[in-house]
Amino acid sequence: MRQLFLPLGLIVAIIVAQLIPAGGIFISENNGLRIIVFIIFLVSGYQTGGRGITLDKKLFVLFGCAAFISLLLAPVLGLLVSKVLSLSLPLAMGLIIISCVPPTISSGIVITEVSRGNAVLALFLTIGLNLLGILTMPFMLDFCLHAAGPMDIDQAALLFKMLFFVLLPFIIGKLIRTLRGNSMISPIWSYVNSSCVIITVYASIAESQEVFKGLDLQDYALVLVSVAIVHIILLIINAQTGKLLRLSSADNKALIFVASQKTLALGIAVIANVKIDTGSAIVVCLMFHFFQLFLDSFLASAFQKK
């Protein structure tokens, strides 16, 4: 149920946005998206436990490799794929944005658990890459967008917004949990976070529903191919990196699933906070999310049986 709640909710959000867009437009025009993003990372910080993990040289090397692949290599890969497939500027922007953001907050950990991987390592990588990604993302985004076309963003402004709407609520949520001394967290909080993402998608699509109507089947096919190429290449690179580092099977699964995924919530947050016409960029972010969720869930089930 936990795995199906978000994808099914996103499908409902897309349908409702087309039929009843007024609510989503109201949310978008009244800073609702920024408030929801703040709530998402507040809950994420509260959910983050204090389970220990051994800090040694091998772990730092592993984290360095994961950071290089997820935060530096992935954006360049997104740029190259957009160039090879000759994506239009808005679609290329969407692919670059989703490639620049850090890993998903929860699904990478959940899928690692399903595959019988090291969930503690997955949690460590998720937290570390998200915190580091806040710092690297504005600069990688600016570099790749410049290379893609005549686009420019205010790096300092975007960094400030990421610190305020992502890092600050995450720290507040973690402090609240520490002060309360909670060792166990109700699974209901996962649904709160997923619901916030669903509402964000609903509002974003409602505000730009004409964009979806403006794309033809060829555009959707190109988007699907582009997100598939980026995600599959990341899966392969992370799998091979795990072999080179001689990781155990459980540790390798954590690296594969966490460092190959991208967070939809932060992708939409970036789109909502840049001052350029993002157009159909949200379409790419949504399709990337759906593709990684379904493919990785299938792989996790196969790994579990194996």
C-alpha atoms as a PDB file:
ATOM      1  CA  MET A   1       0.000   0.000   0.000  1.00  0.00           C
ATOM      2  CA  ARG A   2       2.828   2.384   0.894  1.00  0.00           C
ATOM      3  CA  GLN A   3       4.435   1.861  -2.508  1.00  0.00           C
ATOM      4  CA  LEU A   4       1.170   2.247  -4.442  1.00  0.00           C
ATOM      5  CA  PHE A   5      -0.189   5.301  -2.584  1.00  0.00           C
ATOM      6  CA  LEU A   6       2.055   7.853  -4.300  1.00  0.00           C
ATOM      7  CA  PRO A   7       1.856   6.627  -7.939  1.00  0.00           C
ATOM      8  CA  LEU A   8      -1.905   6.114  -7.731  1.00  0.00           C
ATOM      9  CA  GLY A   9      -2.287   9.509  -6.069  1.00  0.00           C
ATOM     10  CA  LEU A  10      -0.268  11.158  -8.835  1.00  0.00           C
ATOM     11  CA  ILE A  11      -2.509   9.611 -11.480  1.00  0.00           C
ATOM     12  CA  VAL A  12      -5.582  10.959  -9.644  1.00  0.00           C
ATOM     13  CA  ALA A  13      -3.906  14.389  -9.324  1.00  0.00           C
ATOM     14  CA  ILE A  14      -3.299  14.542 -13.080  1.00  0.00           C
ATOM     15  CA  ILE A  15      -6.929  13.640 -13.847  1.00  0.00           C
ATOM     16  CA  VAL A  16      -8.420  16.057 -11.280  1.00  0.00           C
ATOM     17  CA  ALA A  17      -6.123  18.875 -12.488  1.00  0.00           C
ATOM     18  CA  GLN A  18      -7.637  18.530 -15.949  1.00  0.00           C
ATOM     19  CA  LEU A  19     -11.236  18.408 -14.667  1.00  0.00           C
ATOM     20  CA  ILE A  20     -11.136  20.818 -11.710  1.00  0.00           C
ATOM     21  CA  PRO A  21      -8.111  23.113 -12.122  1.00  0.00           C
ATOM     22  CA  ALA A  22      -9.449  26.034 -10.012  1.00  0.00           C
ATOM     23  CA  GLY A  23      -8.218  24.647  -6.679  1.00  0.00           C
ATOM     24  CA  GLY A  24      -4.722  24.014  -8.002  1.00  0.00           C
ATOM     25  CA  ILE A  25      -4.506  27.471  -9.568  1.00  0.00           C
ATOM     26  CA  PHE A  26      -5.540  29.027  -6.235  1.00  0.00           C
ATOM     27  CA  ILE A  27      -2.776  27.086  -4.436  1.00  0.00           C
ATOM     28  CA  SER A  28      -0.147  28.136  -6.989  1.00  0.00           C
ATOM     29  CA  GLU A  29      -1.116  31.813  -6.957  1.00  0.00           C
ATOM     30  CA  ASN A  30      -1.052  32.076  -3.140  1.00  0.00           C
ATOM     31  CA  ASN A  31       2.425  30.638  -2.397  1.00  0.00           C
ATOM     32  CA  GLY A  32       0.848  27.279  -1.632  1.00  0.00           C
ATOM     33  CA  LEU A  33       3.574  25.331  -3.435  1.00  0.00           C
ATOM     34  CA  ARG A  34       6.343  26.832  -1.309  1.00  0.00           C
ATOM     35  CA  ILE A  35       4.404  26.157   1.895  1.00  0.00           C
ATOM     36  CA  ILE A  36       3.812  22.539   0.865  1.00  0.00           C
ATOM     37  CA  VAL A  37       7.507  22.039   0.010  1.00  0.00           C
ATOM     38  CA  PHE A  38       8.385  23.411   3.468  1.00  0.00           C
ATOM     39  CA  ILE A  39       5.995  20.879   5.040  1.00  0.00           C
ATOM     40  CA  ILE A  40       7.452  18.012   2.970  1.00  0.00           C
ATOM     41  CA  PHE A  41      10.973  18.547   4.272  1.00  0.00           C
ATOM     42  CA  LEU A  42       9.760  19.341   7.801  1.00  0.00           C
ATOM     43  CA  VAL A  43       8.112  15.905   7.879  1.00  0.00           C
ATOM     44  CA  SER A  44      11.177  14.338   6.223  1.00  0.00           C
ATOM     45  CA  GLY A  45      13.397  15.698   8.993  1.00  0.00           C
ATOM     46  CA  TYR A  46      10.966  14.431  11.625  1.00  0.00           C
ATOM     47  CA  GLN A  47      10.948  10.978  10.010  1.00  0.00           C
ATOM     48  CA  THR A  48      14.733  10.751   9.922  1.00  0.00           C
ATOM     49  CA  GLY A  49      15.826   8.397  12.660  1.00  0.00           C
ATOM     50  CA  GLY A  50      19.035   8.226  14.596  1.00  0.00           C
ATOM     51  CA  ARG A  51      19.986   4.664  13.726  1.00  0.00           C
ATOM     52  CA  GLY A  52      23.730   4.290  13.865  1.00  0.00           C
ATOM     53  CA  ILE A  53      26.113   3.395  11.081  1.00  0.00           C
ATOM     54  CA  THR A  54      29.837   2.739  11.281  1.00  0.00           C
ATOM     55  CA  LEU A  55      31.825   5.708   9.978  1.00  0.00           C
ATOM     56  CA  ASP A  56      34.983   4.428   8.335  1.00  0.00           C
ATOM     57  CA  LYS A  57      37.128   5.056   5.264  1.00  0.00           C
ATOM     58  CA  LYS A  58      35.113   2.642   3.131  1.00  0.00           C
ATOM     59  CA  LEU A  59      31.878   4.472   3.926  1.00  0.00           C
ATOM     60  CA  PHE A  60      33.355   7.856   3.006  1.00  0.00           C
ATOM     61  CA  VAL A  61      34.672   6.464  -0.279  1.00  0.00           C
ATOM     62  CA  LEU A  62      31.239   4.995  -1.005  1.00  0.00           C
ATOM     63  CA  PHE A  63      29.522   8.299  -0.196  1.00  0.00           C
ATOM     64  CA  GLY A  64      32.010  10.202  -2.379  1.00  0.00           C
ATOM     65  CA  CYS A  65      31.276   7.911  -5.332  1.00  0.00           C
ATOM     66  CA  ALA A  66      27.513   8.205  -4.782  1.00  0.00           C
ATOM     67  CA  ALA A  67      27.763  12.008  -4.581  1.00  0.00           C
ATOM     68  CA  PHE A  68      29.838  12.202  -7.776  1.00  0.00           C
ATOM     69  CA  ILE A  69      27.394  10.000  -9.707  1.00  0.00           C
ATOM     70  CA  SER A  70      24.148  11.457  -8.356  1.00  0.00           C
ATOM     71  CA  LEU A  71      24.995  15.151  -8.064  1.00  0.00           C
ATOM     72  CA  LEU A  72      27.685  15.780 -10.697  1.00  0.00           C
ATOM     73  CA  LEU A  73      27.549  13.045 -13.338  1.00  0.00           C
ATOM     74  CA  ALA A  74      23.740  12.781 -13.545  1.00  0.00           C
ATOM     75  CA  PRO A  75      23.196  16.459 -14.529  1.00  0.00           C
ATOM     76  CA  VAL A  76      25.803  16.177 -17.298  1.00  0.00           C
ATOM     77  CA  LEU A  77      24.151  12.936 -18.430  1.00  0.00           C
ATOM     78  CA  GLY A  78      20.769  14.689 -18.568  1.00  0.00           C
ATOM     79  CA  LEU A  79      22.306  17.485 -20.641  1.00  0.00           C
ATOM     80  CA  LEU A  80      23.946  15.050 -23.083  1.00  0.00           C
ATOM     81  CA  VAL A  81      20.753  13.019 -23.552  1.00  0.00           C
ATOM     82  CA  SER A  82      18.732  16.182 -24.195  1.00  0.00           C
ATOM     83  CA  LYS A  83      21.280  17.189 -26.861  1.00  0.00           C
ATOM     84  CA  VAL A  84      21.398  13.759 -28.523  1.00  0.00           C
ATOM     85  CA  LEU A  85      17.589  13.497 -28.706  1.00  0.00           C
ATOM     86  CA  SER A  86      17.247  17.180 -29.721  1.00  0.00           C
ATOM     87  CA  LEU A  87      14.650  17.919 -27.063  1.00  0.00           C
ATOM     88  CA  SER A  88      12.881  21.269 -27.201  1.00  0.00           C
ATOM     89  CA  LEU A  89      14.169  23.852 -24.725  1.00  0.00           C
ATOM     90  CA  PRO A  90      11.374  23.375 -22.104  1.00  0.00           C
ATOM     91  CA  LEU A  91      11.705  19.560 -22.245  1.00  0.00           C
ATOM     92  CA  ALA A  92      15.505  19.788 -22.046  1.00  0.00           C
ATOM     93  CA  MET A  93      15.092  22.095 -19.043  1.00  0.00           C
ATOM     94  CA  GLY A  94      12.872  19.532 -17.321  1.00  0.00           C
ATOM     95  CA  LEU A  95      15.354  16.705 -17.930  1.00  0.00           C
ATOM     96  CA  ILE A  96      18.249  18.803 -16.634  1.00  0.00           C
ATOM     97  CA  ILE A  97      16.323  19.939 -13.533  1.00  0.00           C
ATOM     98  CA  ILE A  98      15.284  16.409 -12.535  1.00  0.00           C
ATOM     99  CA  SER A  99      18.833  15.161 -13.230  1.00  0.00           C
ATOM    100  CA  CYS A 100      20.323  17.847 -10.960  1.00  0.00           C
ATOM    101  CA  VAL A 101      18.193  17.176  -7.882  1.00  0.00           C
ATOM    102  CA  PRO A 102      19.291  14.703  -5.157  1.00  0.00           C
ATOM    103  CA  PRO A 103      17.687  11.282  -4.503  1.00  0.00           C
ATOM    104  CA  THR A 104      14.115  10.662  -3.401  1.00  0.00           C
ATOM    105  CA  ILE A 105      13.382  11.181   0.290  1.00  0.00           C
ATOM    106  CA  SER A 106      11.611   7.886   0.928  1.00  0.00           C
ATOM    107  CA  SER A 107      11.085   5.604  -2.075  1.00  0.00           C
ATOM    108  CA  GLY A 108      14.790   4.774  -2.465  1.00  0.00           C
ATOM    109  CA  ILE A 109      14.868   3.527   1.141  1.00  0.00           C
ATOM    110  CA  VAL A 110      11.589   1.626   0.791  1.00  0.00           C
ATOM    111  CA  ILE A 111      12.688  -0.059  -2.446  1.00  0.00           C
ATOM    112  CA  THR A 112      16.050  -0.958  -0.887  1.00  0.00           C
ATOM    113  CA  GLU A 113      14.184  -2.637   1.973  1.00  0.00           C
ATOM    114  CA  VAL A 114      11.973  -4.544  -0.484  1.00  0.00           C
ATOM    115  CA  SER A 115      15.061  -5.814  -2.325  1.00  0.00           C
ATOM    116  CA  ARG A 116      16.565  -6.981   1.014  1.00  0.00           C
ATOM    117  CA  GLY A 117      19.290  -4.365   0.760  1.00  0.00           C
ATOM    118  CA  ASN A 118      20.973  -2.353   3.519  1.00  0.00           C
ATOM    119  CA  ALA A 119      18.210   0.095   4.542  1.00  0.00           C
ATOM    120  CA  VAL A 120      20.446   1.820   7.125  1.00  0.00           C
ATOM    121  CA  LEU A 121      23.027   2.604   4.429  1.00  0.00           C
ATOM    122  CA  ALA A 122      20.206   3.734   2.110  1.00  0.00           C
ATOM    123  CA  LEU A 123      19.024   6.151   4.816  1.00  0.00           C
ATOM    124  CA  PHE A 124      22.562   7.499   5.319  1.00  0.00           C
ATOM    125  CA  LEU A 125      23.061   8.036   1.565  1.00  0.00           C
ATOM    126  CA  THR A 126      19.640   9.659   1.189  1.00  0.00           C
ATOM    127  CA  ILE A 127      20.200  12.175   3.990  1.00  0.00           C
ATOM    128  CA  GLY A 128      23.792  12.932   3.000  1.00  0.00           C
ATOM    129  CA  LEU A 129      23.085  13.372  -0.709  1.00  0.00           C
ATOM    130  CA  ASN A 130      20.040  15.574  -0.054  1.00  0.00           C
ATOM    131  CA  LEU A 131      21.968  17.882   2.263  1.00  0.00           C
ATOM    132  CA  LEU A 132      24.953  18.082  -0.099  1.00  0.00           C
ATOM    133  CA  GLY A 133      22.660  18.403  -3.119  1.00  0.00           C
ATOM    134  CA  ILE A 134      21.188  21.639  -1.776  1.00  0.00           C
ATOM    135  CA  LEU A 135      24.648  23.182  -2.204  1.00  0.00           C
ATOM    136  CA  THR A 136      25.641  21.613  -5.534  1.00  0.00           C
ATOM    137  CA  MET A 137      22.302  21.862  -7.352  1.00  0.00           C
ATOM    138  CA  PRO A 138      22.174  25.639  -8.082  1.00  0.00           C
ATOM    139  CA  PHE A 139      25.640  25.588  -9.639  1.00  0.00           C
ATOM    140  CA  MET A 140      25.171  22.388 -11.674  1.00  0.00           C
ATOM    141  CA  LEU A 141      21.755  23.604 -12.790  1.00  0.00           C
ATOM    142  CA  ASP A 142      23.167  26.937 -13.944  1.00  0.00           C
ATOM    143  CA  PHE A 143      26.065  25.229 -15.772  1.00  0.00           C
ATOM    144  CA  CYS A 144      23.864  22.701 -17.590  1.00  0.00           C
ATOM    145  CA  LEU A 145      21.095  25.167 -18.458  1.00  0.00           C
ATOM    146  CA  HIS A 146      23.662  27.515 -19.957  1.00  0.00           C
ATOM    147  CA  ALA A 147      24.972  24.641 -22.077  1.00  0.00           C
ATOM    148  CA  ALA A 148      21.446  23.656 -23.160  1.00  0.00           C
ATOM    149  CA  GLY A 149      20.401  27.066 -24.488  1.00  0.00           C
ATOM    150  CA  PRO A 150      19.827  30.736 -23.719  1.00  0.00           C
ATOM    151  CA  MET A 151      18.727  30.202 -20.131  1.00  0.00           C
ATOM    152  CA  ASP A 152      20.000  31.830 -16.988  1.00  0.00           C
ATOM    153  CA  ILE A 153      19.124  31.467 -13.302  1.00  0.00           C
ATOM    154  CA  ASP A 154      20.048  33.403 -10.195  1.00  0.00           C
ATOM    155  CA  GLN A 155      22.281  30.883  -8.388  1.00  0.00           C
ATOM    156  CA  ALA A 156      22.406  32.843  -5.120  1.00  0.00           C
ATOM    157  CA  ALA A 157      18.622  33.298  -5.011  1.00  0.00           C
ATOM    158  CA  LEU A 158      17.985  29.622  -5.767  1.00  0.00           C
ATOM    159  CA  LEU A 159      20.536  28.524  -3.151  1.00  0.00           C
ATOM    160  CA  PHE A 160      18.862  30.770  -0.543  1.00  0.00           C
ATOM    161  CA  LYS A 161      15.433  29.344  -1.385  1.00  0.00           C
ATOM    162  CA  MET A 162      16.729  25.763  -1.162  1.00  0.00           C
ATOM    163  CA  LEU A 163      18.315  26.510   2.205  1.00  0.00           C
ATOM    164  CA  PHE A 164      15.133  28.134   3.507  1.00  0.00           C
ATOM    165  CA  PHE A 165      12.527  25.754   2.056  1.00  0.00           C
ATOM    166  CA  VAL A 166      14.514  22.491   2.224  1.00  0.00           C
ATOM    167  CA  LEU A 167      17.407  22.537   4.709  1.00  0.00           C
ATOM    168  CA  LEU A 168      15.787  24.709   7.396  1.00  0.00           C
ATOM    169  CA  PRO A 169      12.535  22.681   7.702  1.00  0.00           C
ATOM    170  CA  PHE A 170      14.548  19.430   7.577  1.00  0.00           C
ATOM    171  CA  ILE A 171      16.683  20.593  10.532  1.00  0.00           C
ATOM    172  CA  ILE A 172      13.605  21.808  12.436  1.00  0.00           C
ATOM    173  CA  GLY A 173      11.866  18.458  11.917  1.00  0.00           C
ATOM    174  CA  LYS A 174      14.956  16.553  13.079  1.00  0.00           C
ATOM    175  CA  LEU A 175      15.254  18.766  16.182  1.00  0.00           C
ATOM    176  CA  ILE A 176      11.586  18.215  17.043  1.00  0.00           C
ATOM    177  CA  ARG A 177      12.062  14.445  16.889  1.00  0.00           C
ATOM    178  CA  THR A 178      15.265  14.638  18.956  1.00  0.00           C
ATOM    179  CA  LEU A 179      13.609  16.779  21.624  1.00  0.00           C
ATOM    180  CA  ARG A 180      10.582  14.492  21.780  1.00  0.00           C
ATOM    181  CA  GLY A 181      12.850  11.461  21.986  1.00  0.00           C
ATOM    182  CA  ASN A 182      10.747   9.381  19.598  1.00  0.00           C
ATOM    183  CA  SER A 183      12.386   6.105  18.649  1.00  0.00           C
ATOM    184  CA  MET A 184       9.487   4.914  16.520  1.00  0.00           C
ATOM    185  CA  ILE A 185       7.573   7.040  14.022  1.00  0.00           C
ATOM    186  CA  SER A 186       4.031   6.320  12.867  1.00  0.00           C
ATOM    187  CA  PRO A 187       3.843   5.212   9.208  1.00  0.00           C
ATOM    188  CA  ILE A 188       1.085   7.809   8.809  1.00  0.00           C
ATOM    189  CA  TRP A 189       3.786  10.456   8.353  1.00  0.00           C
ATOM    190  CA  SER A 190       4.825   8.754   5.092  1.00  0.00           C
ATOM    191  CA  TYR A 191       1.319   9.296   3.776  1.00  0.00           C
ATOM    192  CA  VAL A 192       1.414  12.946   4.861  1.00  0.00           C
ATOM    193  CA  ASN A 193       4.559  13.502   2.804  1.00  0.00           C
ATOM    194  CA  SER A 194       3.181  11.620  -0.196  1.00  0.00           C
ATOM    195  CA  SER A 195      -0.074  13.593   0.037  1.00  0.00           C
ATOM    196  CA  CYS A 196       1.898  16.848  -0.050  1.00  0.00           C
ATOM    197  CA  VAL A 197       3.690  15.706  -3.208  1.00  0.00           C
ATOM    198  CA  ILE A 198       0.338  14.753  -4.774  1.00  0.00           C
ATOM    199  CA  ILE A 199      -1.133  18.188  -3.963  1.00  0.00           C
ATOM    200  CA  THR A 200       1.977  19.866  -5.371  1.00  0.00           C
ATOM    201  CA  VAL A 201       1.654  17.953  -8.630  1.00  0.00           C
ATOM    202  CA  TYR A 202      -2.069  18.761  -8.802  1.00  0.00           C
ATOM    203  CA  ALA A 203      -1.422  22.490  -8.359  1.00  0.00           C
ATOM    204  CA  SER A 204       1.486  22.550 -10.809  1.00  0.00           C
ATOM    205  CA  ILE A 205      -0.453  20.731 -13.527  1.00  0.00           C
ATOM    206  CA  ALA A 206      -3.619  22.783 -12.967  1.00  0.00           C
ATOM    207  CA  GLU A 207      -1.603  25.958 -13.429  1.00  0.00           C
ATOM    208  CA  SER A 208       0.041  24.732 -16.633  1.00  0.00           C
ATOM    209  CA  GLN A 209      -2.567  22.322 -18.032  1.00  0.00           C
ATOM    210  CA  GLU A 210      -2.369  23.952 -21.465  1.00  0.00           C
ATOM    211  CA  VAL A 211       1.217  22.702 -21.656  1.00  0.00           C
ATOM    212  CA  PHE A 212       0.025  19.081 -21.595  1.00  0.00           C
ATOM    213  CA  LYS A 213      -2.409  19.758 -24.412  1.00  0.00           C
ATOM    214  CA  GLY A 214       0.340  21.433 -26.428  1.00  0.00           C
ATOM    215  CA  LEU A 215       2.526  18.315 -26.517  1.00  0.00           C
ATOM    216  CA  ASP A 216       1.975  15.667 -29.181  1.00  0.00           C
ATOM    217  CA  LEU A 217       2.627  11.922 -29.057  1.00  0.00           C
ATOM    218  CA  GLN A 218       6.128  12.361 -30.461  1.00  0.00           C
ATOM    219  CA  ASP A 219       7.025  14.731 -27.611  1.00  0.00           C
ATOM    220  CA  TYR A 220       5.754  12.273 -25.002  1.00  0.00           C
ATOM    221  CA  ALA A 221       7.670   9.443 -26.684  1.00  0.00           C
ATOM    222  CA  LEU A 222      10.876  11.508 -26.662  1.00  0.00           C
ATOM    223  CA  VAL A 223      10.391  12.349 -22.983  1.00  0.00           C
ATOM    224  CA  LEU A 224       9.849   8.692 -22.096  1.00  0.00           C
ATOM    225  CA  VAL A 225      12.949   7.623 -24.021  1.00  0.00           C
ATOM    226  CA  SER A 226      15.057  10.390 -22.470  1.00  0.00           C
ATOM    227  CA  VAL A 227      14.100   9.650 -18.848  1.00  0.00           C
ATOM    228  CA  ALA A 228      14.525   5.911 -19.457  1.00  0.00           C
ATOM    229  CA  ILE A 229      18.032   6.406 -20.865  1.00  0.00           C
ATOM    230  CA  VAL A 230      19.154   8.623 -17.965  1.00  0.00           C
ATOM    231  CA  HIS A 231      17.766   6.388 -15.227  1.00  0.00           C
ATOM    232  CA  ILE A 232      18.934   3.084 -16.742  1.00  0.00           C
ATOM    233  CA  ILE A 233      22.456   4.431 -17.316  1.00  0.00           C
ATOM    234  CA  LEU A 234      22.560   5.615 -13.692  1.00  0.00           C
ATOM    235  CA  LEU A 235      21.457   2.149 -12.530  1.00  0.00           C
ATOM    236  CA  ILE A 236      24.221   0.508 -14.581  1.00  0.00           C
ATOM    237  CA  ILE A 237      26.909   2.966 -13.429  1.00  0.00           C
ATOM    238  CA  ASN A 238      25.973   2.526  -9.765  1.00  0.00           C
ATOM    239  CA  ALA A 239      25.872  -1.274 -10.116  1.00  0.00           C
ATOM    240  CA  GLN A 240      29.352  -1.310 -11.662  1.00  0.00           C
ATOM    241  CA  THR A 241      30.658   1.133  -9.044  1.00  0.00           C
ATOM    242  CA  GLY A 242      29.446  -1.231  -6.325  1.00  0.00           C
ATOM    243  CA  LYS A 243      31.376  -4.066  -7.935  1.00  0.00           C
ATOM    244  CA  LEU A 244      34.543  -1.958  -8.198  1.00  0.00           C
ATOM    245  CA  LEU A 245      34.229  -1.033  -4.520  1.00  0.00           C
ATOM    246  CA  ARG A 246      33.607  -4.708  -3.697  1.00  0.00           C
ATOM    247  CA  LEU A 247      30.447  -3.913  -1.785  1.00  0.00           C
ATOM    248  CA  SER A 248      28.311  -6.619  -0.283  1.00  0.00           C
ATOM    249  CA  SER A 249      25.083  -7.435  -2.105  1.00  0.00           C
ATOM    250  CA  ALA A 250      23.000  -5.547   0.479  1.00  0.00           C
ATOM    251  CA  ASP A 251      25.214  -2.434   0.333  1.00  0.00           C
ATOM    252  CA  ASN A 252      25.298  -2.519  -3.455  1.00  0.00           C
ATOM    253  CA  LYS A 253      21.491  -2.501  -3.606  1.00  0.00           C
ATOM    254  CA  ALA A 254      21.397   0.613  -1.409  1.00  0.00           C
ATOM    255  CA  LEU A 255      23.849   2.392  -3.730  1.00  0.00           C
ATOM    256  CA  ILE A 256      21.990   1.291  -6.873  1.00  0.00           C
ATOM    257  CA  PHE A 257      18.521   2.403  -5.825  1.00  0.00           C
ATOM    258  CA  VAL A 258      19.338   5.563  -3.847  1.00  0.00           C
ATOM    259  CA  ALA A 259      21.964   7.118  -6.137  1.00  0.00           C
ATOM    260  CA  SER A 260      19.949   6.373  -9.303  1.00  0.00           C
ATOM    261  CA  GLN A 261      16.693   7.981  -8.185  1.00  0.00           C
ATOM    262  CA  LYS A 262      15.670  11.648  -8.249  1.00  0.00           C
ATOM    263  CA  THR A 263      13.201  13.434  -5.980  1.00  0.00           C
ATOM    264  CA  LEU A 264      10.063  14.765  -7.634  1.00  0.00           C
ATOM    265  CA  ALA A 265       9.289  17.106  -4.713  1.00  0.00           C
ATOM    266  CA  LEU A 266      12.529  19.050  -5.065  1.00  0.00           C
ATOM    267  CA  GLY A 267      12.299  19.038  -8.866  1.00  0.00           C
ATOM    268  CA  ILE A 268       8.914  20.726  -8.675  1.00  0.00           C
ATOM    269  CA  ALA A 269      10.241  23.073  -5.976  1.00  0.00           C
ATOM    270  CA  VAL A 270      13.003  24.197  -8.345  1.00  0.00           C
ATOM    271  CA  ILE A 271      10.499  24.712 -11.171  1.00  0.00           C
ATOM    272  CA  ALA A 272       8.316  26.782  -8.830  1.00  0.00           C
ATOM    273  CA  ASN A 273      11.249  28.955  -7.745  1.00  0.00           C
ATOM    274  CA  VAL A 274      13.024  29.778 -11.011  1.00  0.00           C
ATOM    275  CA  LYS A 275      12.080  32.998 -12.780  1.00  0.00           C
ATOM    276  CA  ILE A 276      12.140  31.599 -16.307  1.00  0.00           C
ATOM    277  CA  ASP A 277       9.338  30.031 -18.316  1.00  0.00           C
ATOM    278  CA  THR A 278       9.547  26.358 -17.374  1.00  0.00           C
ATOM    279  CA  GLY A 279       6.766  25.391 -19.769  1.00  0.00           C
ATOM    280  CA  SER A 280       6.456  21.627 -20.099  1.00  0.00           C
ATOM    281  CA  ALA A 281       9.412  20.897 -17.793  1.00  0.00           C
ATOM    282  CA  ILE A 282       7.040  19.433 -15.202  1.00  0.00           C
ATOM    283  CA  VAL A 283       5.985  16.746 -17.704  1.00  0.00           C
ATOM    284  CA  VAL A 284       9.555  15.417 -17.767  1.00  0.00           C
ATOM    285  CA  CYS A 285       9.803  15.437 -13.963  1.00  0.00           C
ATOM    286  CA  LEU A 286       6.549  13.483 -13.638  1.00  0.00           C
ATOM    287  CA  MET A 287       7.507  10.896 -16.253  1.00  0.00           C
ATOM    288  CA  PHE A 288      10.948  10.455 -14.685  1.00  0.00           C
ATOM    289  CA  HIS A 289       9.323   9.823 -11.310  1.00  0.00           C
ATOM    290  CA  PHE A 290       6.850   7.271 -12.655  1.00  0.00           C
ATOM    291  CA  PHE A 291       9.505   5.462 -14.690  1.00  0.00           C
ATOM    292  CA  GLN A 292      12.008   5.137 -11.822  1.00  0.00           C
ATOM    293  CA  LEU A 293       9.285   4.057  -9.404  1.00  0.00           C
ATOM    294  CA  PHE A 294       7.905   1.265 -11.572  1.00  0.00           C
ATOM    295  CA  LEU A 295      11.247   0.013 -12.958  1.00  0.00           C
ATOM    296  CA  ASP A 296      12.978   0.028  -9.561  1.00  0.00           C
ATOM    297  CA  SER A 297      10.022  -1.667  -7.874  1.00  0.00           C
ATOM    298  CA  PHE A 298      10.184  -4.412 -10.498  1.00  0.00           C
ATOM    299  CA  LEU A 299      13.951  -4.795 -10.013  1.00  0.00           C
ATOM    300  CA  ALA A 300      13.581  -4.847  -6.219  1.00  0.00           C
ATOM    301  CA  SER A 301      11.029  -7.663  -6.448  1.00  0.00           C
ATOM    302  CA  ALA A 302      13.362  -9.597  -8.748  1.00  0.00           C
ATOM    303  CA  PHE A 303      16.298  -9.081  -6.353  1.00  0.00           C
ATOM    304  CA  GLN A 304      14.152 -10.203  -3.417  1.00  0.00           C
ATOM    305  CA  LYS A 305      13.236 -13.483  -5.116  1.00  0.00           C
ATOM    306  CA  LYS A 306      16.805 -14.048  -6.223  1.00  0.00           C
END
